[in-house]
Amino acid sequence: MTTIDWDAAAGSFDEEPDHGLLDPAVRDAWAGRLESWLPTTRGDVLDLGCGTGSLSLLAAGQGHRVT
């Protein structure tokens, strides 16, 4: 079994293109996925287990109020 010290990895976690959505193609793909999952009427979204919040930021950028 392998264990990972997440506290040690936290500082650079979002530097990986897929985690921080730094790659424009990955970010656009996730934005499209959120558009298909979330209601077209902008509203409140509760993001549980949001990690570093990159998807929360995309949802907020689409006009949703994210907590």
N, C-alpha and C. Protein backbone atom coordinates (compact mmCIF):
# COMPACT_ATOMS: atom_id res chain seq x y z
N MET A 1 0.84 -1.18 0.00
CA MET A 1 0.00 0.00 0.00
C MET A 1 0.89 1.24 0.00
N THR A 2 0.52 2.19 -0.82
CA THR A 2 1.26 3.45 -0.88
C THR A 2 0.44 4.54 -0.21
N THR A 3 1.10 5.33 0.58
CA THR A 3 0.43 6.48 1.19
C THR A 3 1.09 7.75 0.69
N ILE A 4 0.32 8.81 0.63
CA ILE A 4 0.82 10.09 0.14
C ILE A 4 0.62 11.12 1.23
N ASP A 5 1.64 11.93 1.46
CA ASP A 5 1.54 13.03 2.41
C ASP A 5 0.93 14.21 1.67
N TRP A 6 -0.41 14.35 1.76
CA TRP A 6 -1.10 15.39 1.00
C TRP A 6 -0.71 16.79 1.46
N ASP A 7 -0.37 16.96 2.72
CA ASP A 7 0.08 18.28 3.18
C ASP A 7 1.35 18.69 2.44
N ALA A 8 2.24 17.74 2.21
CA ALA A 8 3.48 18.04 1.50
C ALA A 8 3.22 18.34 0.02
N ALA A 9 2.20 17.72 -0.55
CA ALA A 9 1.90 17.90 -1.98
C ALA A 9 1.01 19.11 -2.25
N ALA A 10 0.37 19.65 -1.22
CA ALA A 10 -0.64 20.70 -1.42
C ALA A 10 -0.09 21.94 -2.11
N GLY A 11 1.12 22.34 -1.78
CA GLY A 11 1.67 23.58 -2.33
C GLY A 11 1.83 23.57 -3.84
N SER A 12 2.03 22.40 -4.42
CA SER A 12 2.24 22.33 -5.87
C SER A 12 1.13 21.57 -6.59
N PHE A 13 0.07 21.21 -5.89
CA PHE A 13 -0.99 20.39 -6.48
C PHE A 13 -1.58 21.02 -7.73
N ASP A 14 -1.89 22.30 -7.69
CA ASP A 14 -2.53 22.96 -8.83
C ASP A 14 -1.57 23.27 -9.97
N GLU A 15 -0.29 22.99 -9.80
CA GLU A 15 0.66 23.20 -10.90
C GLU A 15 0.54 22.11 -11.95
N GLU A 16 -0.04 20.98 -11.60
CA GLU A 16 -0.29 19.92 -12.56
C GLU A 16 -1.43 20.40 -13.46
N PRO A 17 -1.23 20.42 -14.78
CA PRO A 17 -2.21 21.04 -15.68
C PRO A 17 -3.66 20.60 -15.48
N ASP A 18 -3.89 19.35 -15.18
CA ASP A 18 -5.26 18.87 -15.04
C ASP A 18 -5.87 19.27 -13.69
N HIS A 19 -5.07 19.38 -12.66
CA HIS A 19 -5.60 19.72 -11.34
C HIS A 19 -5.99 21.18 -11.24
N GLY A 20 -5.12 22.07 -11.66
CA GLY A 20 -5.41 23.49 -11.57
C GLY A 20 -6.12 24.04 -12.78
N LEU A 21 -6.43 23.16 -13.73
CA LEU A 21 -7.08 23.54 -14.98
C LEU A 21 -6.27 24.61 -15.70
N LEU A 22 -4.95 24.45 -15.68
CA LEU A 22 -4.07 25.40 -16.35
C LEU A 22 -4.07 25.21 -17.86
N ASP A 23 -4.29 24.00 -18.31
CA ASP A 23 -4.33 23.72 -19.75
C ASP A 23 -5.67 24.21 -20.29
N PRO A 24 -5.65 25.14 -21.26
CA PRO A 24 -6.91 25.69 -21.78
C PRO A 24 -7.87 24.63 -22.32
N ALA A 25 -7.35 23.59 -22.94
CA ALA A 25 -8.22 22.54 -23.48
C ALA A 25 -8.92 21.79 -22.35
N VAL A 26 -8.19 21.51 -21.28
CA VAL A 26 -8.77 20.82 -20.12
C VAL A 26 -9.80 21.72 -19.45
N ARG A 27 -9.45 22.99 -19.27
CA ARG A 27 -10.37 23.95 -18.64
C ARG A 27 -11.65 24.08 -19.45
N ASP A 28 -11.52 24.20 -20.77
CA ASP A 28 -12.70 24.33 -21.64
C ASP A 28 -13.57 23.07 -21.60
N ALA A 29 -12.92 21.91 -21.53
CA ALA A 29 -13.68 20.65 -21.45
C ALA A 29 -14.48 20.59 -20.15
N TRP A 30 -13.85 20.98 -19.04
CA TRP A 30 -14.57 20.99 -17.76
C TRP A 30 -15.68 22.04 -17.76
N ALA A 31 -15.42 23.19 -18.34
CA ALA A 31 -16.46 24.24 -18.41
C ALA A 31 -17.67 23.72 -19.19
N GLY A 32 -17.42 23.03 -20.28
CA GLY A 32 -18.52 22.45 -21.06
C GLY A 32 -19.27 21.39 -20.28
N ARG A 33 -18.54 20.58 -19.53
CA ARG A 33 -19.17 19.55 -18.71
C ARG A 33 -20.06 20.19 -17.64
N LEU A 34 -19.55 21.24 -16.99
CA LEU A 34 -20.35 21.93 -15.98
C LEU A 34 -21.61 22.53 -16.59
N GLU A 35 -21.48 23.10 -17.78
CA GLU A 35 -22.66 23.66 -18.47
C GLU A 35 -23.72 22.59 -18.67
N SER A 36 -23.29 21.37 -18.98
CA SER A 36 -24.26 20.30 -19.22
C SER A 36 -24.83 19.73 -17.92
N TRP A 37 -24.09 19.82 -16.83
CA TRP A 37 -24.54 19.28 -15.55
C TRP A 37 -25.39 20.25 -14.75
N LEU A 38 -25.05 21.53 -14.79
CA LEU A 38 -25.71 22.52 -13.94
C LEU A 38 -26.93 23.10 -14.64
N PRO A 39 -27.90 23.56 -13.88
CA PRO A 39 -29.11 24.15 -14.48
C PRO A 39 -28.76 25.36 -15.35
N THR A 40 -29.55 25.58 -16.39
CA THR A 40 -29.32 26.75 -17.24
C THR A 40 -29.67 28.03 -16.51
N THR A 41 -30.64 27.96 -15.59
CA THR A 41 -30.95 29.11 -14.75
C THR A 41 -29.88 29.20 -13.68
N ARG A 42 -29.18 30.32 -13.62
CA ARG A 42 -28.09 30.47 -12.67
C ARG A 42 -28.63 30.48 -11.25
N GLY A 43 -27.95 29.80 -10.36
CA GLY A 43 -28.44 29.70 -8.99
C GLY A 43 -27.33 29.34 -8.02
N ASP A 44 -27.75 28.82 -6.87
CA ASP A 44 -26.82 28.45 -5.82
C ASP A 44 -26.28 27.05 -6.07
N VAL A 45 -24.97 26.89 -5.87
CA VAL A 45 -24.31 25.60 -6.02
C VAL A 45 -23.49 25.35 -4.77
N LEU A 46 -23.67 24.19 -4.17
CA LEU A 46 -22.86 23.78 -3.03
C LEU A 46 -21.87 22.74 -3.53
N ASP A 47 -20.59 23.05 -3.45
CA ASP A 47 -19.55 22.15 -3.91
C ASP A 47 -18.93 21.48 -2.70
N LEU A 48 -19.30 20.23 -2.47
CA LEU A 48 -18.74 19.45 -1.37
C LEU A 48 -17.52 18.69 -1.87
N GLY A 49 -16.47 18.71 -1.10
CA GLY A 49 -15.27 17.99 -1.51
C GLY A 49 -14.62 18.64 -2.72
N CYS A 50 -14.59 19.97 -2.72
CA CYS A 50 -14.17 20.71 -3.91
C CYS A 50 -12.66 20.76 -4.11
N GLY A 51 -11.89 20.13 -3.24
CA GLY A 51 -10.44 20.16 -3.42
C GLY A 51 -9.93 21.58 -3.34
N THR A 52 -9.22 21.99 -4.36
CA THR A 52 -8.67 23.35 -4.35
C THR A 52 -9.63 24.37 -4.95
N GLY A 53 -10.78 23.92 -5.41
CA GLY A 53 -11.82 24.85 -5.86
C GLY A 53 -11.79 25.23 -7.33
N SER A 54 -11.01 24.55 -8.15
CA SER A 54 -10.91 24.95 -9.55
C SER A 54 -12.25 24.81 -10.28
N LEU A 55 -13.01 23.75 -9.99
CA LEU A 55 -14.32 23.61 -10.64
C LEU A 55 -15.32 24.59 -10.05
N SER A 56 -15.18 24.90 -8.77
CA SER A 56 -16.04 25.92 -8.15
C SER A 56 -15.85 27.26 -8.84
N LEU A 57 -14.60 27.58 -9.14
CA LEU A 57 -14.32 28.85 -9.83
C LEU A 57 -14.93 28.87 -11.22
N LEU A 58 -14.89 27.75 -11.92
CA LEU A 58 -15.52 27.68 -13.25
C LEU A 58 -17.03 27.89 -13.14
N ALA A 59 -17.66 27.25 -12.16
CA ALA A 59 -19.10 27.40 -11.98
C ALA A 59 -19.45 28.84 -11.63
N ALA A 60 -18.65 29.46 -10.78
CA ALA A 60 -18.88 30.86 -10.43
C ALA A 60 -18.70 31.75 -11.66
N GLY A 61 -17.73 31.43 -12.48
CA GLY A 61 -17.51 32.19 -13.71
C GLY A 61 -18.66 32.07 -14.69
N GLN A 62 -19.46 31.02 -14.55
CA GLN A 62 -20.63 30.82 -15.40
C GLN A 62 -21.87 31.48 -14.80
N GLY A 63 -21.69 32.19 -13.68
CA GLY A 63 -22.79 32.94 -13.11
C GLY A 63 -23.47 32.32 -11.91
N HIS A 64 -23.03 31.15 -11.48
CA HIS A 64 -23.63 30.51 -10.31
C HIS A 64 -23.03 31.10 -9.04
N ARG A 65 -23.79 31.06 -7.96
CA ARG A 65 -23.30 31.46 -6.64
C ARG A 65 -22.82 30.18 -5.95
N VAL A 66 -21.52 30.06 -5.78
CA VAL A 66 -20.92 28.81 -5.30
C VAL A 66 -20.49 28.96 -3.84
N THR A 67 -20.88 27.97 -3.04
CA THR A 67 -20.45 27.89 -1.64
C THR A 67 -19.69 26.60 -1.46
